[in-house]
Amino acid sequence: MKTSDNVTGKQFTWITGIASLMVMLVLLLGPPLANAQSLTIYSGRSKALVEPLIKKFEAEHGIRMNVRYGGSTQLAVALLEEGRRTPADVFWAQDAGALGAVHRNGMLEPLPEDLLSLLPGQLHNSEGTWIATSGRARVMAYSTARVDTAMLPESIFGLSDTRWRGRVGWAPSNGSFQSLLTSMRLVEGDETVFQWLRDMRANNAQSYINNSALLQAVAAGEIDIALTNHYYLFRFRETNPDFPVEQTWFAPGDAGNLVNVAGIGMLRTARNPEAALAFMKFLLEQENQQWVTNEVYEYPVVEDISTRTVDTPLRDIQEMSPDLDLDDLSDLNRTLDLLRRAGLL
């Protein structure tokens, strides 16, 4: 065989042999990474919180993760608009209300019993289309320097008393507060909650953009009480153990004690259901639940997780919460309407 001036016959034979070997390796090992198995997540959980877990799953399972981050309500609306055309395999939401909205539109696939059985019944919806991945409680945070705990109200509705004029902070535009308000509507009725909103506004309740801002305002003396999620205080204490704020619940069963969950469901149109179920099981593994508890300060949803800050198990905290179906928190439009009518949005 004739070869070029720069390649001998032996070199040519060696090169073609290597090329043949590479072709055989490709056939044996499968397609390159560009065509590797992938999973698309719509995540209402913020990137800063959950990216480490997603990267860990990607590394352990060799599945490429495509993540679209956004607000849980925003992503639920996107899923409803996309319908069967959605590229999402799973929807990981910050709260049960957003999951409930997608579920009620028939977009979530019923999950297998071996996955549902990993959790108590109250930590997945009744039709088994989504599971909780962590829990959080709404609490009343207060200044340790300026508030007499004996005077704290037993109900959230007591915060409209003139005793607390100008001393209470809330975040009407925040999704967690809106879920709380939805639960209050379900327990007490729209008109009762609408009147409470008006009374709070008349009592000069102070509005803030989010939960972190609320706690900073309590510590700075701008307000004395804030309606917030339980884990924000633990985050502040991580950098400042003497942070001058404490928190508590209202009386058991009060409408202000919502225990909500972050949760995840698989779309009926999922292109990779096996990977979706693997990711959901991964989130419930002891090691990963421990990470969520230690790093995010949310409540674990499986048993036997040690905690540094949250001593009361989630099952006991749930007894403080009003009795309602978390899927019903999807009824957000009426809540937003009440906020607009009260002049808070």
C-alpha atoms as a PDB file:
ATOM      1  CA  MET A   1       0.000   0.000   0.000  1.00  0.00           C
ATOM      2  CA  LYS A   2       1.255   3.384  -0.923  1.00  0.00           C
ATOM      3  CA  THR A   3       1.607   5.850   1.914  1.00  0.00           C
ATOM      4  CA  SER A   4       2.441   9.525   2.167  1.00  0.00           C
ATOM      5  CA  ASP A   5       6.026  10.749   2.351  1.00  0.00           C
ATOM      6  CA  ASN A   6       5.669  11.310   6.136  1.00  0.00           C
ATOM      7  CA  VAL A   7       3.867   8.083   7.165  1.00  0.00           C
ATOM      8  CA  THR A   8       5.457   4.637   6.893  1.00  0.00           C
ATOM      9  CA  GLY A   9       3.449   1.471   6.287  1.00  0.00           C
ATOM     10  CA  LYS A  10       3.941   0.370   9.900  1.00  0.00           C
ATOM     11  CA  GLN A  11       2.776   3.778  11.212  1.00  0.00           C
ATOM     12  CA  PHE A  12      -0.279   3.656   8.994  1.00  0.00           C
ATOM     13  CA  THR A  13      -1.177   0.208  10.281  1.00  0.00           C
ATOM     14  CA  TRP A  14      -0.762   1.406  13.895  1.00  0.00           C
ATOM     15  CA  ILE A  15      -2.959   4.498  13.311  1.00  0.00           C
ATOM     16  CA  THR A  16      -5.755   2.527  11.664  1.00  0.00           C
ATOM     17  CA  GLY A  17      -5.619   0.000  14.488  1.00  0.00           C
ATOM     18  CA  ILE A  18      -6.045   2.734  17.102  1.00  0.00           C
ATOM     19  CA  ALA A  19      -8.932   4.210  15.127  1.00  0.00           C
ATOM     20  CA  SER A  20     -10.650   0.822  14.992  1.00  0.00           C
ATOM     21  CA  LEU A  21     -10.185   0.395  18.736  1.00  0.00           C
ATOM     22  CA  MET A  22     -11.760   3.822  19.426  1.00  0.00           C
ATOM     23  CA  VAL A  23     -14.785   2.916  17.303  1.00  0.00           C
ATOM     24  CA  MET A  24     -15.208  -0.327  19.260  1.00  0.00           C
ATOM     25  CA  LEU A  25     -14.994   1.554  22.592  1.00  0.00           C
ATOM     26  CA  VAL A  26     -17.692   4.007  21.499  1.00  0.00           C
ATOM     27  CA  LEU A  27     -19.953   1.097  20.517  1.00  0.00           C
ATOM     28  CA  LEU A  28     -19.322  -0.672  23.819  1.00  0.00           C
ATOM     29  CA  LEU A  29     -19.606   2.337  26.137  1.00  0.00           C
ATOM     30  CA  GLY A  30     -22.552   3.991  24.440  1.00  0.00           C
ATOM     31  CA  PRO A  31     -23.104   7.530  23.123  1.00  0.00           C
ATOM     32  CA  PRO A  32     -21.053  10.510  24.290  1.00  0.00           C
ATOM     33  CA  LEU A  33     -22.100  12.826  27.141  1.00  0.00           C
ATOM     34  CA  ALA A  34     -24.026  15.117  24.798  1.00  0.00           C
ATOM     35  CA  ASN A  35     -26.566  12.294  24.401  1.00  0.00           C
ATOM     36  CA  ALA A  36     -26.365  11.027  27.996  1.00  0.00           C
ATOM     37  CA  GLN A  37     -29.423  10.431  30.147  1.00  0.00           C
ATOM     38  CA  SER A  38     -30.807  13.726  31.450  1.00  0.00           C
ATOM     39  CA  LEU A  39     -33.452  15.033  33.821  1.00  0.00           C
ATOM     40  CA  THR A  40     -35.220  18.394  33.575  1.00  0.00           C
ATOM     41  CA  ILE A  41     -36.309  20.001  36.848  1.00  0.00           C
ATOM     42  CA  TYR A  42     -38.502  23.037  37.329  1.00  0.00           C
ATOM     43  CA  SER A  43     -37.312  24.203  40.741  1.00  0.00           C
ATOM     44  CA  GLY A  44     -39.184  26.679  42.911  1.00  0.00           C
ATOM     45  CA  ARG A  45     -36.452  26.084  45.467  1.00  0.00           C
ATOM     46  CA  SER A  46     -33.727  28.678  45.087  1.00  0.00           C
ATOM     47  CA  LYS A  47     -30.443  27.792  43.405  1.00  0.00           C
ATOM     48  CA  ALA A  48     -28.438  28.877  46.445  1.00  0.00           C
ATOM     49  CA  LEU A  49     -30.284  26.349  48.615  1.00  0.00           C
ATOM     50  CA  VAL A  50     -30.539  23.230  46.472  1.00  0.00           C
ATOM     51  CA  GLU A  51     -27.807  23.308  43.831  1.00  0.00           C
ATOM     52  CA  PRO A  52     -25.393  21.303  46.014  1.00  0.00           C
ATOM     53  CA  LEU A  53     -27.915  18.458  46.246  1.00  0.00           C
ATOM     54  CA  ILE A  54     -28.591  18.539  42.514  1.00  0.00           C
ATOM     55  CA  LYS A  55     -24.855  18.448  41.741  1.00  0.00           C
ATOM     56  CA  LYS A  56     -24.430  15.542  44.152  1.00  0.00           C
ATOM     57  CA  PHE A  57     -27.171  13.513  42.432  1.00  0.00           C
ATOM     58  CA  GLU A  58     -25.676  14.307  39.037  1.00  0.00           C
ATOM     59  CA  ALA A  59     -22.260  13.042  40.133  1.00  0.00           C
ATOM     60  CA  GLU A  60     -23.579   9.913  41.849  1.00  0.00           C
ATOM     61  CA  HIS A  61     -25.993   8.829  39.123  1.00  0.00           C
ATOM     62  CA  GLY A  62     -24.321  10.125  35.970  1.00  0.00           C
ATOM     63  CA  ILE A  63     -27.510  11.878  34.903  1.00  0.00           C
ATOM     64  CA  ARG A  64     -27.202  15.350  33.413  1.00  0.00           C
ATOM     65  CA  MET A  65     -29.444  17.782  35.299  1.00  0.00           C
ATOM     66  CA  ASN A  66     -31.200  20.606  33.460  1.00  0.00           C
ATOM     67  CA  VAL A  67     -32.665  23.015  35.990  1.00  0.00           C
ATOM     68  CA  ARG A  68     -35.014  25.943  35.484  1.00  0.00           C
ATOM     69  CA  TYR A  69     -35.171  28.053  38.654  1.00  0.00           C
ATOM     70  CA  GLY A  70     -37.968  30.465  39.501  1.00  0.00           C
ATOM     71  CA  GLY A  71     -40.741  31.223  41.972  1.00  0.00           C
ATOM     72  CA  SER A  72     -42.954  28.222  42.708  1.00  0.00           C
ATOM     73  CA  THR A  73     -46.108  30.055  41.635  1.00  0.00           C
ATOM     74  CA  GLN A  74     -44.390  31.358  38.492  1.00  0.00           C
ATOM     75  CA  LEU A  75     -43.260  27.863  37.511  1.00  0.00           C
ATOM     76  CA  ALA A  76     -46.677  26.357  38.244  1.00  0.00           C
ATOM     77  CA  VAL A  77     -48.210  28.900  35.861  1.00  0.00           C
ATOM     78  CA  ALA A  78     -45.565  28.048  33.248  1.00  0.00           C
ATOM     79  CA  LEU A  79     -46.373  24.338  33.551  1.00  0.00           C
ATOM     80  CA  LEU A  80     -50.098  24.988  33.130  1.00  0.00           C
ATOM     81  CA  GLU A  81     -49.420  27.105  30.035  1.00  0.00           C
ATOM     82  CA  GLU A  82     -47.039  24.535  28.532  1.00  0.00           C
ATOM     83  CA  GLY A  83     -49.316  21.588  29.208  1.00  0.00           C
ATOM     84  CA  ARG A  84     -48.201  18.397  27.467  1.00  0.00           C
ATOM     85  CA  ARG A  85     -45.468  20.356  25.661  1.00  0.00           C
ATOM     86  CA  THR A  86     -43.537  21.040  28.857  1.00  0.00           C
ATOM     87  CA  PRO A  87     -39.932  19.822  28.889  1.00  0.00           C
ATOM     88  CA  ALA A  88     -40.111  19.314  32.659  1.00  0.00           C
ATOM     89  CA  ASP A  89     -39.760  15.838  34.140  1.00  0.00           C
ATOM     90  CA  VAL A  90     -40.293  16.933  37.743  1.00  0.00           C
ATOM     91  CA  PHE A  91     -41.627  19.982  39.586  1.00  0.00           C
ATOM     92  CA  TRP A  92     -39.873  20.758  42.885  1.00  0.00           C
ATOM     93  CA  ALA A  93     -41.892  23.463  44.631  1.00  0.00           C
ATOM     94  CA  GLN A  94     -41.296  25.623  47.661  1.00  0.00           C
ATOM     95  CA  ASP A  95     -44.832  25.073  48.914  1.00  0.00           C
ATOM     96  CA  ALA A  96     -47.727  22.645  48.626  1.00  0.00           C
ATOM     97  CA  GLY A  97     -50.011  25.220  47.044  1.00  0.00           C
ATOM     98  CA  ALA A  98     -48.042  25.358  43.795  1.00  0.00           C
ATOM     99  CA  LEU A  99     -47.936  21.551  43.639  1.00  0.00           C
ATOM    100  CA  GLY A 100     -51.658  21.438  44.303  1.00  0.00           C
ATOM    101  CA  ALA A 101     -52.357  23.760  41.372  1.00  0.00           C
ATOM    102  CA  VAL A 102     -50.451  21.500  38.964  1.00  0.00           C
ATOM    103  CA  HIS A 103     -52.016  18.370  40.483  1.00  0.00           C
ATOM    104  CA  ARG A 104     -55.572  19.701  40.147  1.00  0.00           C
ATOM    105  CA  ASN A 105     -54.943  20.255  36.454  1.00  0.00           C
ATOM    106  CA  GLY A 106     -54.135  16.575  36.042  1.00  0.00           C
ATOM    107  CA  MET A 107     -50.469  17.089  35.161  1.00  0.00           C
ATOM    108  CA  LEU A 108     -48.821  14.976  37.894  1.00  0.00           C
ATOM    109  CA  GLU A 109     -48.320  11.218  37.653  1.00  0.00           C
ATOM    110  CA  PRO A 110     -49.427   9.008  40.601  1.00  0.00           C
ATOM    111  CA  LEU A 111     -46.275   7.832  42.371  1.00  0.00           C
ATOM    112  CA  PRO A 112     -45.448   4.194  43.141  1.00  0.00           C
ATOM    113  CA  GLU A 113     -46.292   2.816  46.552  1.00  0.00           C
ATOM    114  CA  ASP A 114     -42.677   1.996  47.364  1.00  0.00           C
ATOM    115  CA  LEU A 115     -41.919   5.723  47.206  1.00  0.00           C
ATOM    116  CA  LEU A 116     -45.054   6.922  49.027  1.00  0.00           C
ATOM    117  CA  SER A 117     -44.490   4.389  51.813  1.00  0.00           C
ATOM    118  CA  LEU A 118     -41.233   6.109  52.762  1.00  0.00           C
ATOM    119  CA  LEU A 119     -43.277   8.940  54.311  1.00  0.00           C
ATOM    120  CA  PRO A 120     -46.221   9.259  56.704  1.00  0.00           C
ATOM    121  CA  GLY A 121     -49.546   9.818  54.954  1.00  0.00           C
ATOM    122  CA  GLN A 122     -49.711  13.497  55.907  1.00  0.00           C
ATOM    123  CA  LEU A 123     -46.463  14.127  54.020  1.00  0.00           C
ATOM    124  CA  HIS A 124     -47.851  13.325  50.594  1.00  0.00           C
ATOM    125  CA  ASN A 125     -51.158  14.353  49.093  1.00  0.00           C
ATOM    126  CA  SER A 126     -54.172  12.052  49.273  1.00  0.00           C
ATOM    127  CA  GLU A 127     -53.930  11.027  45.617  1.00  0.00           C
ATOM    128  CA  GLY A 128     -50.217  10.292  45.860  1.00  0.00           C
ATOM    129  CA  THR A 129     -48.992  12.590  43.086  1.00  0.00           C
ATOM    130  CA  TRP A 130     -46.450  14.504  45.160  1.00  0.00           C
ATOM    131  CA  ILE A 131     -44.316  13.958  48.251  1.00  0.00           C
ATOM    132  CA  ALA A 132     -42.842  16.346  50.793  1.00  0.00           C
ATOM    133  CA  THR A 133     -39.075  16.829  50.766  1.00  0.00           C
ATOM    134  CA  SER A 134     -38.784  19.104  53.836  1.00  0.00           C
ATOM    135  CA  GLY A 135     -41.050  21.048  56.162  1.00  0.00           C
ATOM    136  CA  ARG A 136     -41.293  24.517  57.591  1.00  0.00           C
ATOM    137  CA  ALA A 137     -43.509  26.297  60.076  1.00  0.00           C
ATOM    138  CA  ARG A 138     -44.907  29.787  60.179  1.00  0.00           C
ATOM    139  CA  VAL A 139     -44.010  31.417  63.477  1.00  0.00           C
ATOM    140  CA  MET A 140     -44.289  34.677  65.359  1.00  0.00           C
ATOM    141  CA  ALA A 141     -40.798  36.156  65.831  1.00  0.00           C
ATOM    142  CA  TYR A 142     -40.361  38.800  68.520  1.00  0.00           C
ATOM    143  CA  SER A 143     -37.782  41.058  70.117  1.00  0.00           C
ATOM    144  CA  THR A 144     -36.239  39.599  73.261  1.00  0.00           C
ATOM    145  CA  ALA A 145     -35.516  43.149  74.477  1.00  0.00           C
ATOM    146  CA  ARG A 146     -38.881  44.847  73.966  1.00  0.00           C
ATOM    147  CA  VAL A 147     -41.611  42.199  74.148  1.00  0.00           C
ATOM    148  CA  ASP A 148     -43.156  40.728  77.290  1.00  0.00           C
ATOM    149  CA  THR A 149     -43.936  37.152  76.249  1.00  0.00           C
ATOM    150  CA  ALA A 150     -46.876  37.052  78.652  1.00  0.00           C
ATOM    151  CA  MET A 151     -48.571  39.662  76.463  1.00  0.00           C
ATOM    152  CA  LEU A 152     -48.153  37.808  73.156  1.00  0.00           C
ATOM    153  CA  PRO A 153     -51.503  36.961  71.533  1.00  0.00           C
ATOM    154  CA  GLU A 154     -52.689  33.353  71.342  1.00  0.00           C
ATOM    155  CA  SER A 155     -54.126  33.923  67.868  1.00  0.00           C
ATOM    156  CA  ILE A 156     -52.767  35.631  64.783  1.00  0.00           C
ATOM    157  CA  PHE A 157     -55.956  37.683  64.737  1.00  0.00           C
ATOM    158  CA  GLY A 158     -54.877  39.268  68.027  1.00  0.00           C
ATOM    159  CA  LEU A 159     -52.073  41.121  66.267  1.00  0.00           C
ATOM    160  CA  SER A 160     -54.591  43.698  65.039  1.00  0.00           C
ATOM    161  CA  ASP A 161     -55.128  44.833  68.638  1.00  0.00           C
ATOM    162  CA  THR A 162     -54.156  48.474  69.241  1.00  0.00           C
ATOM    163  CA  ARG A 163     -51.536  47.235  71.739  1.00  0.00           C
ATOM    164  CA  TRP A 164     -49.445  46.268  68.690  1.00  0.00           C
ATOM    165  CA  ARG A 165     -50.015  49.391  66.632  1.00  0.00           C
ATOM    166  CA  GLY A 166     -46.984  49.982  64.384  1.00  0.00           C
ATOM    167  CA  ARG A 167     -45.094  47.129  66.061  1.00  0.00           C
ATOM    168  CA  VAL A 168     -45.894  44.218  63.714  1.00  0.00           C
ATOM    169  CA  GLY A 169     -44.188  43.440  60.408  1.00  0.00           C
ATOM    170  CA  TRP A 170     -45.349  41.258  57.536  1.00  0.00           C
ATOM    171  CA  ALA A 171     -44.510  40.620  53.869  1.00  0.00           C
ATOM    172  CA  PRO A 172     -47.744  40.712  51.803  1.00  0.00           C
ATOM    173  CA  SER A 173     -45.952  40.117  48.480  1.00  0.00           C
ATOM    174  CA  ASN A 174     -44.039  37.068  49.763  1.00  0.00           C
ATOM    175  CA  GLY A 175     -45.170  33.613  48.610  1.00  0.00           C
ATOM    176  CA  SER A 176     -44.901  32.038  52.065  1.00  0.00           C
ATOM    177  CA  PHE A 177     -47.077  34.746  53.574  1.00  0.00           C
ATOM    178  CA  GLN A 178     -49.611  34.296  50.784  1.00  0.00           C
ATOM    179  CA  SER A 179     -49.775  30.559  51.515  1.00  0.00           C
ATOM    180  CA  LEU A 180     -50.365  31.400  55.181  1.00  0.00           C
ATOM    181  CA  LEU A 181     -53.145  33.767  54.187  1.00  0.00           C
ATOM    182  CA  THR A 182     -54.697  31.073  52.005  1.00  0.00           C
ATOM    183  CA  SER A 183     -54.743  28.658  54.946  1.00  0.00           C
ATOM    184  CA  MET A 184     -56.348  31.365  57.105  1.00  0.00           C
ATOM    185  CA  ARG A 185     -59.051  31.783  54.458  1.00  0.00           C
ATOM    186  CA  LEU A 186     -59.708  28.039  54.394  1.00  0.00           C
ATOM    187  CA  VAL A 187     -60.029  27.915  58.189  1.00  0.00           C
ATOM    188  CA  GLU A 188     -61.812  31.192  58.970  1.00  0.00           C
ATOM    189  CA  GLY A 189     -63.434  32.277  55.694  1.00  0.00           C
ATOM    190  CA  ASP A 190     -62.678  35.034  53.188  1.00  0.00           C
ATOM    191  CA  GLU A 191     -64.527  37.868  54.861  1.00  0.00           C
ATOM    192  CA  THR A 192     -62.970  37.266  58.276  1.00  0.00           C
ATOM    193  CA  VAL A 193     -59.493  37.328  56.743  1.00  0.00           C
ATOM    194  CA  PHE A 194     -60.313  40.371  54.604  1.00  0.00           C
ATOM    195  CA  GLN A 195     -61.402  42.262  57.712  1.00  0.00           C
ATOM    196  CA  TRP A 196     -58.198  41.190  59.505  1.00  0.00           C
ATOM    197  CA  LEU A 197     -56.126  42.550  56.628  1.00  0.00           C
ATOM    198  CA  ARG A 198     -57.957  45.863  56.814  1.00  0.00           C
ATOM    199  CA  ASP A 199     -57.570  45.981  60.601  1.00  0.00           C
ATOM    200  CA  MET A 200     -53.852  45.221  60.369  1.00  0.00           C
ATOM    201  CA  ARG A 201     -53.354  47.944  57.782  1.00  0.00           C
ATOM    202  CA  ALA A 202     -55.299  50.402  59.956  1.00  0.00           C
ATOM    203  CA  ASN A 203     -53.105  49.331  62.870  1.00  0.00           C
ATOM    204  CA  ASN A 204     -50.051  50.450  60.863  1.00  0.00           C
ATOM    205  CA  ALA A 205     -48.555  47.015  60.231  1.00  0.00           C
ATOM    206  CA  GLN A 206     -45.177  47.500  58.543  1.00  0.00           C
ATOM    207  CA  SER A 207     -44.550  45.850  55.155  1.00  0.00           C
ATOM    208  CA  TYR A 208     -41.198  44.298  54.179  1.00  0.00           C
ATOM    209  CA  ILE A 209     -40.023  42.506  51.062  1.00  0.00           C
ATOM    210  CA  ASN A 210     -39.185  39.128  52.626  1.00  0.00           C
ATOM    211  CA  ASN A 211     -38.561  37.118  55.791  1.00  0.00           C
ATOM    212  CA  SER A 212     -34.902  38.099  56.168  1.00  0.00           C
ATOM    213  CA  ALA A 213     -35.803  41.777  56.053  1.00  0.00           C
ATOM    214  CA  LEU A 214     -38.458  41.193  58.712  1.00  0.00           C
ATOM    215  CA  LEU A 215     -36.023  39.661  61.181  1.00  0.00           C
ATOM    216  CA  GLN A 216     -33.453  42.355  60.520  1.00  0.00           C
ATOM    217  CA  ALA A 217     -36.151  44.932  61.266  1.00  0.00           C
ATOM    218  CA  VAL A 218     -36.968  43.261  64.602  1.00  0.00           C
ATOM    219  CA  ALA A 219     -33.291  43.176  65.582  1.00  0.00           C
ATOM    220  CA  ALA A 220     -32.857  46.834  64.567  1.00  0.00           C
ATOM    221  CA  GLY A 221     -35.846  47.981  66.638  1.00  0.00           C
ATOM    222  CA  GLU A 222     -38.016  49.040  63.701  1.00  0.00           C
ATOM    223  CA  ILE A 223     -40.722  46.552  64.748  1.00  0.00           C
ATOM    224  CA  ASP A 224     -41.236  44.186  67.676  1.00  0.00           C
ATOM    225  CA  ILE A 225     -43.048  41.234  66.063  1.00  0.00           C
ATOM    226  CA  ALA A 226     -42.758  39.604  62.638  1.00  0.00           C
ATOM    227  CA  LEU A 227     -44.680  36.873  60.835  1.00  0.00           C
ATOM    228  CA  THR A 228     -42.046  34.653  59.242  1.00  0.00           C
ATOM    229  CA  ASN A 229     -40.798  31.113  58.558  1.00  0.00           C
ATOM    230  CA  HIS A 230     -39.049  29.296  61.389  1.00  0.00           C
ATOM    231  CA  TYR A 231     -35.651  28.674  59.761  1.00  0.00           C
ATOM    232  CA  TYR A 232     -34.628  32.274  59.103  1.00  0.00           C
ATOM    233  CA  LEU A 233     -33.843  32.858  62.777  1.00  0.00           C
ATOM    234  CA  PHE A 234     -31.457  29.877  62.797  1.00  0.00           C
ATOM    235  CA  ARG A 235     -29.635  31.275  59.781  1.00  0.00           C
ATOM    236  CA  PHE A 236     -29.086  34.605  61.525  1.00  0.00           C
ATOM    237  CA  ARG A 237     -27.896  32.818  64.672  1.00  0.00           C
ATOM    238  CA  GLU A 238     -25.297  30.953  62.635  1.00  0.00           C
ATOM    239  CA  THR A 239     -23.337  34.184  62.187  1.00  0.00           C
ATOM    240  CA  ASN A 240     -24.565  35.918  65.358  1.00  0.00           C
ATOM    241  CA  PRO A 241     -25.431  33.603  68.289  1.00  0.00           C
ATOM    242  CA  ASP A 242     -26.648  36.662  70.246  1.00  0.00           C
ATOM    243  CA  PHE A 243     -29.137  37.772  67.588  1.00  0.00           C
ATOM    244  CA  PRO A 244     -31.800  39.480  69.774  1.00  0.00           C
ATOM    245  CA  VAL A 245     -34.859  37.666  68.417  1.00  0.00           C
ATOM    246  CA  GLU A 246     -36.841  34.651  69.595  1.00  0.00           C
ATOM    247  CA  GLN A 247     -39.893  32.967  68.091  1.00  0.00           C
ATOM    248  CA  THR A 248     -42.960  31.011  69.121  1.00  0.00           C
ATOM    249  CA  TRP A 249     -46.278  29.660  67.867  1.00  0.00           C
ATOM    250  CA  PHE A 250     -49.813  30.781  68.445  1.00  0.00           C
ATOM    251  CA  ALA A 251     -52.169  28.456  70.329  1.00  0.00           C
ATOM    252  CA  PRO A 252     -52.449  24.905  68.904  1.00  0.00           C
ATOM    253  CA  GLY A 253     -54.699  24.768  65.855  1.00  0.00           C
ATOM    254  CA  ASP A 254     -54.644  28.520  65.272  1.00  0.00           C
ATOM    255  CA  ALA A 255     -54.874  29.638  61.664  1.00  0.00           C
ATOM    256  CA  GLY A 256     -51.510  31.415  62.033  1.00  0.00           C
ATOM    257  CA  ASN A 257     -49.583  28.177  62.650  1.00  0.00           C
ATOM    258  CA  LEU A 258     -49.403  26.846  59.114  1.00  0.00           C
ATOM    259  CA  VAL A 259     -46.963  23.965  58.715  1.00  0.00           C
ATOM    260  CA  ASN A 260     -46.167  23.885  55.022  1.00  0.00           C
ATOM    261  CA  VAL A 261     -43.840  21.680  53.015  1.00  0.00           C
ATOM    262  CA  ALA A 262     -41.537  21.853  50.063  1.00  0.00           C
ATOM    263  CA  GLY A 263     -42.414  18.972  47.779  1.00  0.00           C
ATOM    264  CA  ILE A 264     -41.853  17.322  44.435  1.00  0.00           C
ATOM    265  CA  GLY A 265     -43.991  15.610  41.819  1.00  0.00           C
ATOM    266  CA  MET A 266     -43.380  13.925  38.471  1.00  0.00           C
ATOM    267  CA  LEU A 267     -45.078  15.177  35.320  1.00  0.00           C
ATOM    268  CA  ARG A 268     -47.285  12.722  33.409  1.00  0.00           C
ATOM    269  CA  THR A 269     -45.304  13.719  30.315  1.00  0.00           C
ATOM    270  CA  ALA A 270     -41.904  13.015  31.908  1.00  0.00           C
ATOM    271  CA  ARG A 271     -39.451  11.777  29.286  1.00  0.00           C
ATOM    272  CA  ASN A 272     -37.285  10.118  31.900  1.00  0.00           C
ATOM    273  CA  PRO A 273     -39.551   8.736  34.641  1.00  0.00           C
ATOM    274  CA  GLU A 274     -36.905   6.328  35.975  1.00  0.00           C
ATOM    275  CA  ALA A 275     -34.456   9.171  36.617  1.00  0.00           C
ATOM    276  CA  ALA A 276     -37.262  11.301  38.075  1.00  0.00           C
ATOM    277  CA  LEU A 277     -38.174   8.616  40.611  1.00  0.00           C
ATOM    278  CA  ALA A 278     -34.489   8.054  41.407  1.00  0.00           C
ATOM    279  CA  PHE A 279     -34.072  11.765  42.169  1.00  0.00           C
ATOM    280  CA  MET A 280     -37.144  11.796  44.404  1.00  0.00           C
ATOM    281  CA  LYS A 281     -35.870   8.814  46.386  1.00  0.00           C
ATOM    282  CA  PHE A 282     -32.437  10.460  46.572  1.00  0.00           C
ATOM    283  CA  LEU A 283     -33.968  13.508  48.288  1.00  0.00           C
ATOM    284  CA  LEU A 284     -35.409  11.261  51.016  1.00  0.00           C
ATOM    285  CA  GLU A 285     -32.146   9.447  51.757  1.00  0.00           C
ATOM    286  CA  GLN A 286     -30.926   9.924  55.331  1.00  0.00           C
ATOM    287  CA  GLU A 287     -27.692  11.643  54.317  1.00  0.00           C
ATOM    288  CA  ASN A 288     -29.498  14.180  52.131  1.00  0.00           C
ATOM    289  CA  GLN A 289     -32.248  14.828  54.651  1.00  0.00           C
ATOM    290  CA  GLN A 290     -29.519  15.447  57.215  1.00  0.00           C
ATOM    291  CA  TRP A 291     -27.894  17.944  54.857  1.00  0.00           C
ATOM    292  CA  VAL A 292     -31.161  19.843  54.394  1.00  0.00           C
ATOM    293  CA  THR A 293     -31.647  19.988  58.155  1.00  0.00           C
ATOM    294  CA  ASN A 294     -28.087  21.131  58.872  1.00  0.00           C
ATOM    295  CA  GLU A 295     -27.662  23.580  56.002  1.00  0.00           C
ATOM    296  CA  VAL A 296     -31.162  24.913  55.304  1.00  0.00           C
ATOM    297  CA  TYR A 297     -32.624  24.464  58.831  1.00  0.00           C
ATOM    298  CA  GLU A 298     -35.866  23.022  57.529  1.00  0.00           C
ATOM    299  CA  TYR A 299     -37.623  20.066  59.150  1.00  0.00           C
ATOM    300  CA  PRO A 300     -36.662  16.621  57.843  1.00  0.00           C
ATOM    301  CA  VAL A 301     -39.533  14.468  56.587  1.00  0.00           C
ATOM    302  CA  VAL A 302     -38.000  11.086  57.475  1.00  0.00           C
ATOM    303  CA  GLU A 303     -37.267   9.659  60.900  1.00  0.00           C
ATOM    304  CA  ASP A 304     -33.989   9.461  62.830  1.00  0.00           C
ATOM    305  CA  ILE A 305     -32.427  12.706  61.603  1.00  0.00           C
ATOM    306  CA  SER A 306     -30.366  14.525  64.227  1.00  0.00           C
ATOM    307  CA  THR A 307     -30.743  18.281  64.355  1.00  0.00           C
ATOM    308  CA  ARG A 308     -28.699  21.130  65.751  1.00  0.00           C
ATOM    309  CA  THR A 309     -31.525  23.614  66.047  1.00  0.00           C
ATOM    310  CA  VAL A 310     -34.961  22.067  65.516  1.00  0.00           C
ATOM    311  CA  ASP A 311     -35.634  19.845  68.531  1.00  0.00           C
ATOM    312  CA  THR A 312     -39.340  19.237  67.978  1.00  0.00           C
ATOM    313  CA  PRO A 313     -40.131  16.563  65.339  1.00  0.00           C
ATOM    314  CA  LEU A 314     -42.185  17.647  62.362  1.00  0.00           C
ATOM    315  CA  ARG A 315     -45.011  15.273  63.327  1.00  0.00           C
ATOM    316  CA  ASP A 316     -45.414  17.177  66.632  1.00  0.00           C
ATOM    317  CA  ILE A 317     -45.254  20.578  64.960  1.00  0.00           C
ATOM    318  CA  GLN A 318     -48.009  19.477  62.590  1.00  0.00           C
ATOM    319  CA  GLU A 319     -50.299  19.125  65.605  1.00  0.00           C
ATOM    320  CA  MET A 320     -49.951  22.897  66.068  1.00  0.00           C
ATOM    321  CA  SER A 321     -51.180  23.525  62.523  1.00  0.00           C
ATOM    322  CA  PRO A 322     -54.839  23.872  61.549  1.00  0.00           C
ATOM    323  CA  ASP A 323     -56.342  20.719  60.029  1.00  0.00           C
ATOM    324  CA  LEU A 324     -56.463  21.229  56.276  1.00  0.00           C
ATOM    325  CA  ASP A 325     -55.550  19.542  52.996  1.00  0.00           C
ATOM    326  CA  LEU A 326     -52.318  21.106  51.767  1.00  0.00           C
ATOM    327  CA  ASP A 327     -53.505  20.662  48.165  1.00  0.00           C
ATOM    328  CA  ASP A 328     -56.151  23.293  48.962  1.00  0.00           C
ATOM    329  CA  LEU A 329     -53.410  25.907  49.314  1.00  0.00           C
ATOM    330  CA  SER A 330     -53.472  26.006  45.502  1.00  0.00           C
ATOM    331  CA  ASP A 331     -56.441  28.381  45.711  1.00  0.00           C
ATOM    332  CA  LEU A 332     -54.156  31.417  45.488  1.00  0.00           C
ATOM    333  CA  ASN A 333     -56.171  33.684  43.182  1.00  0.00           C
ATOM    334  CA  ARG A 334     -58.756  34.506  45.844  1.00  0.00           C
ATOM    335  CA  THR A 335     -55.960  35.250  48.291  1.00  0.00           C
ATOM    336  CA  LEU A 336     -54.344  37.675  45.861  1.00  0.00           C
ATOM    337  CA  ASP A 337     -57.739  39.252  45.273  1.00  0.00           C
ATOM    338  CA  LEU A 338     -58.154  39.858  49.020  1.00  0.00           C
ATOM    339  CA  LEU A 339     -54.718  41.446  49.214  1.00  0.00           C
ATOM    340  CA  ARG A 340     -55.541  43.750  46.314  1.00  0.00           C
ATOM    341  CA  ARG A 341     -58.914  44.700  47.804  1.00  0.00           C
ATOM    342  CA  ALA A 342     -57.159  45.506  51.089  1.00  0.00           C
ATOM    343  CA  GLY A 343     -54.683  47.742  49.226  1.00  0.00           C
ATOM    344  CA  LEU A 344     -51.674  45.571  50.077  1.00  0.00           C
ATOM    345  CA  LEU A 345     -50.613  44.620  46.543  1.00  0.00           C
END
